[in-house]
Amino acid sequence: MTPPPIPPDLVSTRDALHQIAYFVLAPARFRRTGRMGLVPTRGGFGTPSLDGRTLRVDGDQLVDERPEGVASVRITTMGDAVSFFDEPYVVDWFDDFGDKLPPYPLDRDLGVSVDAARFVGEIFALGARAIEGFAAVVPGGITETWIWPEHFDIATEAGDEMTGGKASFGASPGDHAHDEPYFYVSAWGEIDRAETFWNDEAFNGASLAYRDVMVVDDPVGRVVDFFMEGFRLLNPA
């Protein structure tokens, strides 16, 4: 499947969806389970099942799936989102975030574009497929894969932490340092910047631009190869 082109209104929609993930969906799971990771879902992302209930985003819609039925509403403001899901709104719900997300005003129009929102979902889905392919070939396997609310990316971990070989491997729809989506290897320990693979100055690692992935015949395979190159540099045989 050919990856879709980057929509022109990606940044504003991505940042609005990050607000929903960080302040609504992830804390809803955290309150119930003590865990905060989200998962790719149809048309976007959301919580795993919470005793039969799933809270998620599908394009420009909020969706609340319960055993008794499914309700949905168009995304408007953060205030409307917390009201729709009937969840409390708490800004500082987890103390140990390194990069806390500044909240939008509750009455600010989020301006979510359906095309850009679905594109964000496609990035998470592509990242999940690449991580699955990586898991099948990487020595030692990987940890669990989640969409993390702090940085709004999908990631896993692999490598030997004791020898400095551990890293996070993931996909991001973009962030404050990257306007466009990218895939990454973020090393936990020291890296040798003389090695050209380590090309990203915004974090301790390497990035592969989505634009460079969408033009190849096998996008998932290209990302798996990128992940494996980083893994082998950190974990030489």
Protein backbone atom coordinates (compact mmCIF):
# COMPACT_ATOMS: atom_id res chain seq x y z
CA MET A 1 0.00 0.00 0.00
CA THR A 2 1.39 3.41 -1.02
CA PRO A 3 1.67 5.80 1.95
CA PRO A 4 -0.56 8.87 1.55
CA PRO A 5 0.86 12.36 0.90
CA ILE A 6 1.37 14.77 3.77
CA PRO A 7 -1.73 17.00 4.14
CA PRO A 8 -1.11 20.77 4.25
CA ASP A 9 -2.87 21.23 7.59
CA LEU A 10 -1.04 18.42 9.37
CA VAL A 11 0.70 20.48 12.05
CA SER A 12 -2.37 22.18 13.51
CA THR A 13 -4.43 18.98 13.46
CA ARG A 14 -1.58 16.90 14.90
CA ASP A 15 -1.11 19.35 17.76
CA ALA A 16 -4.85 19.36 18.49
CA LEU A 17 -4.97 15.55 18.55
CA HIS A 18 -1.97 15.53 20.86
CA GLN A 19 -4.08 17.56 23.32
CA ILE A 20 -6.82 14.90 23.21
CA ALA A 21 -4.34 12.04 23.62
CA TYR A 22 -2.48 13.72 26.49
CA PHE A 23 -5.30 15.29 28.48
CA VAL A 24 -8.26 12.98 27.78
CA LEU A 25 -7.52 9.48 26.49
CA ALA A 26 -4.26 8.59 28.24
CA PRO A 27 -5.39 9.81 31.69
CA ALA A 28 -8.68 7.93 31.25
CA ARG A 29 -6.69 4.72 30.95
CA PHE A 30 -4.23 5.74 33.67
CA ARG A 31 -6.98 6.35 36.22
CA ARG A 32 -8.35 2.87 35.65
CA THR A 33 -5.21 0.77 35.17
CA GLY A 34 -2.12 2.76 36.15
CA ARG A 35 -0.95 2.54 32.52
CA MET A 36 -1.15 5.29 29.92
CA GLY A 37 -0.17 3.89 26.51
CA LEU A 38 -2.62 4.20 23.63
CA VAL A 39 -3.00 2.06 20.51
CA PRO A 40 -3.72 2.55 16.80
CA THR A 41 -7.43 2.15 16.11
CA ARG A 42 -9.63 2.39 13.03
CA GLY A 43 -9.17 5.87 11.60
CA GLY A 44 -6.87 7.06 14.38
CA PHE A 45 -5.93 6.05 17.91
CA GLY A 46 -7.44 5.38 21.30
CA THR A 47 -7.37 3.37 24.49
CA PRO A 48 -7.22 -0.39 24.69
CA SER A 49 -10.44 -1.88 26.01
CA LEU A 50 -11.20 -0.57 29.50
CA ASP A 51 -13.51 -3.25 30.87
CA GLY A 52 -15.32 -3.31 27.54
CA ARG A 53 -15.23 0.45 26.92
CA THR A 54 -12.96 2.06 24.30
CA LEU A 55 -12.35 5.79 23.95
CA ARG A 56 -10.89 6.78 20.61
CA VAL A 57 -10.46 9.25 17.76
CA ASP A 58 -11.65 8.33 14.26
CA GLY A 59 -10.77 11.09 11.83
CA ASP A 60 -12.48 14.25 13.12
CA GLN A 61 -14.80 12.25 15.38
CA LEU A 62 -14.61 11.28 19.05
CA VAL A 63 -15.95 7.76 19.56
CA ASP A 64 -17.08 6.17 22.83
CA GLU A 65 -17.67 2.43 22.44
CA ARG A 66 -19.48 0.70 25.29
CA PRO A 67 -21.14 -2.71 25.57
CA GLU A 68 -24.51 -1.00 25.34
CA GLY A 69 -23.68 0.93 22.16
CA VAL A 70 -21.46 3.39 20.30
CA ALA A 71 -21.67 7.18 20.45
CA SER A 72 -19.71 9.66 18.37
CA VAL A 73 -19.42 13.43 17.98
CA ARG A 74 -17.32 15.77 15.87
CA ILE A 75 -14.21 17.17 17.56
CA THR A 76 -14.71 20.81 18.56
CA THR A 77 -13.03 21.94 21.81
CA MET A 78 -11.21 20.27 24.68
CA GLY A 79 -14.08 21.23 26.95
CA ASP A 80 -16.53 19.42 24.70
CA ALA A 81 -14.20 16.40 24.50
CA VAL A 82 -13.97 15.86 28.26
CA SER A 83 -17.73 16.41 28.52
CA PHE A 84 -18.48 13.88 25.77
CA PHE A 85 -16.36 11.19 27.39
CA ASP A 86 -17.53 12.22 30.88
CA GLU A 87 -13.95 12.26 32.10
CA PRO A 88 -12.37 14.71 34.59
CA TYR A 89 -9.95 17.28 33.16
CA VAL A 90 -6.67 17.36 35.09
CA VAL A 91 -3.64 19.17 33.67
CA ASP A 92 -0.97 17.60 35.90
CA TRP A 93 -2.17 14.01 36.03
CA PHE A 94 1.31 12.41 35.90
CA ASP A 95 4.27 13.92 37.74
CA ASP A 96 7.17 12.27 35.89
CA PHE A 97 6.73 13.57 32.36
CA GLY A 98 9.94 15.18 31.12
CA ASP A 99 8.19 17.37 28.56
CA LYS A 100 4.80 18.37 29.90
CA LEU A 101 2.39 19.50 27.21
CA PRO A 102 1.05 23.06 27.63
CA PRO A 103 -2.76 22.84 27.62
CA TYR A 104 -5.02 24.65 25.18
CA PRO A 105 -7.87 26.75 26.60
CA LEU A 106 -10.89 24.51 27.06
CA ASP A 107 -13.01 26.68 24.74
CA ARG A 108 -10.45 26.93 21.91
CA ASP A 109 -11.67 25.54 18.59
CA LEU A 110 -9.33 22.64 17.85
CA GLY A 111 -9.85 22.94 14.10
CA VAL A 112 -9.24 19.26 13.35
CA SER A 113 -9.18 18.36 9.67
CA VAL A 114 -10.58 14.92 8.88
CA ASP A 115 -7.93 14.23 6.23
CA ALA A 116 -5.05 15.29 8.45
CA ALA A 117 -6.47 13.36 11.40
CA ARG A 118 -6.73 10.19 9.36
CA PHE A 119 -3.20 10.79 8.13
CA VAL A 120 -1.98 10.84 11.74
CA GLY A 121 -3.72 7.51 12.18
CA GLU A 122 -1.96 6.20 9.06
CA ILE A 123 1.43 7.18 10.53
CA PHE A 124 0.66 5.26 13.71
CA ALA A 125 -0.55 2.27 11.70
CA LEU A 126 2.55 2.31 9.48
CA GLY A 127 4.74 2.61 12.56
CA ALA A 128 2.97 -0.36 14.14
CA ARG A 129 3.51 -2.48 11.02
CA ALA A 130 7.19 -1.53 10.90
CA ILE A 131 7.66 -2.34 14.58
CA GLU A 132 5.95 -5.70 14.03
CA GLY A 133 8.37 -6.43 11.17
CA PHE A 134 11.30 -5.31 13.32
CA ALA A 135 10.16 -7.59 16.16
CA ALA A 136 10.30 -10.56 13.79
CA VAL A 137 14.00 -10.08 13.00
CA VAL A 138 15.68 -8.25 15.88
CA PRO A 139 17.72 -10.40 18.28
CA GLY A 140 16.23 -10.51 21.76
CA GLY A 141 12.83 -9.21 20.74
CA ILE A 142 11.13 -5.95 21.71
CA THR A 143 9.13 -4.52 24.58
CA GLU A 144 5.44 -3.60 24.36
CA THR A 145 4.45 -1.10 21.70
CA TRP A 146 2.34 1.95 22.63
CA ILE A 147 1.42 5.40 21.44
CA TRP A 148 2.92 7.51 24.22
CA PRO A 149 0.98 10.64 25.22
CA GLU A 150 3.98 12.74 26.22
CA HIS A 151 5.57 12.88 22.76
CA PHE A 152 2.59 11.55 20.76
CA ASP A 153 4.52 8.84 18.96
CA ILE A 154 4.34 5.07 18.67
CA ALA A 155 7.40 3.27 19.96
CA THR A 156 9.00 0.15 21.34
CA GLU A 157 12.38 -0.65 22.90
CA ALA A 158 15.09 -3.17 22.03
CA GLY A 159 18.76 -3.81 22.72
CA ASP A 160 21.05 -4.55 25.65
CA GLU A 161 20.85 -1.78 28.24
CA MET A 162 23.83 -3.17 30.23
CA THR A 163 26.20 -2.67 27.28
CA GLY A 164 24.71 0.65 26.15
CA GLY A 165 22.83 -0.95 23.28
CA LYS A 166 19.26 -0.15 24.22
CA ALA A 167 17.18 2.28 22.16
CA SER A 168 13.65 3.33 21.42
CA PHE A 169 12.40 2.61 17.90
CA GLY A 170 9.34 4.42 16.68
CA ALA A 171 7.30 6.62 14.38
CA SER A 172 6.19 10.19 14.96
CA PRO A 173 3.65 12.32 13.07
CA GLY A 174 5.99 15.23 13.79
CA ASP A 175 6.77 17.44 16.77
CA HIS A 176 8.15 20.85 17.77
CA ALA A 177 11.49 20.04 16.09
CA HIS A 178 10.08 18.23 13.04
CA ASP A 179 7.19 19.69 11.06
CA GLU A 180 6.76 16.46 9.12
CA PRO A 181 6.46 12.79 10.14
CA TYR A 182 9.56 10.66 10.68
CA PHE A 183 10.78 7.33 11.99
CA TYR A 184 13.49 7.21 14.60
CA VAL A 185 16.06 5.32 16.63
CA SER A 186 16.67 7.08 19.94
CA ALA A 187 19.65 5.64 21.80
CA TRP A 188 19.56 5.44 25.58
CA GLY A 189 23.35 5.66 25.89
CA GLU A 190 26.20 7.37 24.08
CA ILE A 191 26.41 7.43 20.30
CA ASP A 192 29.30 8.20 17.99
CA ARG A 193 28.31 11.26 15.99
CA ALA A 194 31.11 10.49 13.57
CA GLU A 195 28.84 7.71 12.31
CA THR A 196 26.63 9.37 9.70
CA PHE A 197 23.63 7.23 10.65
CA TRP A 198 23.19 9.37 13.78
CA ASN A 199 21.81 12.34 11.90
CA ASP A 200 19.22 13.99 14.14
CA GLU A 201 20.33 16.95 16.25
CA ALA A 202 17.03 17.26 18.13
CA PHE A 203 17.57 14.06 20.11
CA ASN A 204 20.19 11.39 20.81
CA GLY A 205 19.74 9.34 17.68
CA ALA A 206 18.71 9.10 14.05
CA SER A 207 15.64 9.94 12.01
CA LEU A 208 14.28 8.80 8.67
CA ALA A 209 11.93 11.25 6.97
CA TYR A 210 8.49 10.05 5.97
CA ARG A 211 9.04 11.69 2.57
CA ASP A 212 11.93 9.29 1.98
CA VAL A 213 9.80 6.30 2.93
CA MET A 214 6.68 7.08 0.91
CA VAL A 215 8.58 6.92 -2.41
CA VAL A 216 9.98 3.37 -2.06
CA ASP A 217 8.29 0.15 -3.18
CA ASP A 218 8.33 -1.39 0.31
CA PRO A 219 7.80 1.35 2.92
CA VAL A 220 7.54 -1.05 5.87
CA GLY A 221 10.66 -2.90 4.80
CA ARG A 222 12.55 0.40 4.45
CA VAL A 223 11.69 1.35 8.02
CA VAL A 224 12.58 -2.13 9.35
CA ASP A 225 15.97 -1.84 7.64
CA PHE A 226 16.46 1.58 9.24
CA PHE A 227 15.59 0.20 12.68
CA MET A 228 17.95 -2.75 12.20
CA GLU A 229 20.82 -0.51 11.10
CA GLY A 230 20.49 1.47 14.34
CA PHE A 231 20.18 -1.69 16.41
CA ARG A 232 23.35 -3.21 14.91
CA LEU A 233 25.36 -0.04 15.48
CA LEU A 234 24.36 -0.09 19.13
CA ASN A 235 24.63 -3.86 19.54
CA PRO A 236 27.56 -5.05 17.40
CA ALA A 237 27.94 -8.80 17.14
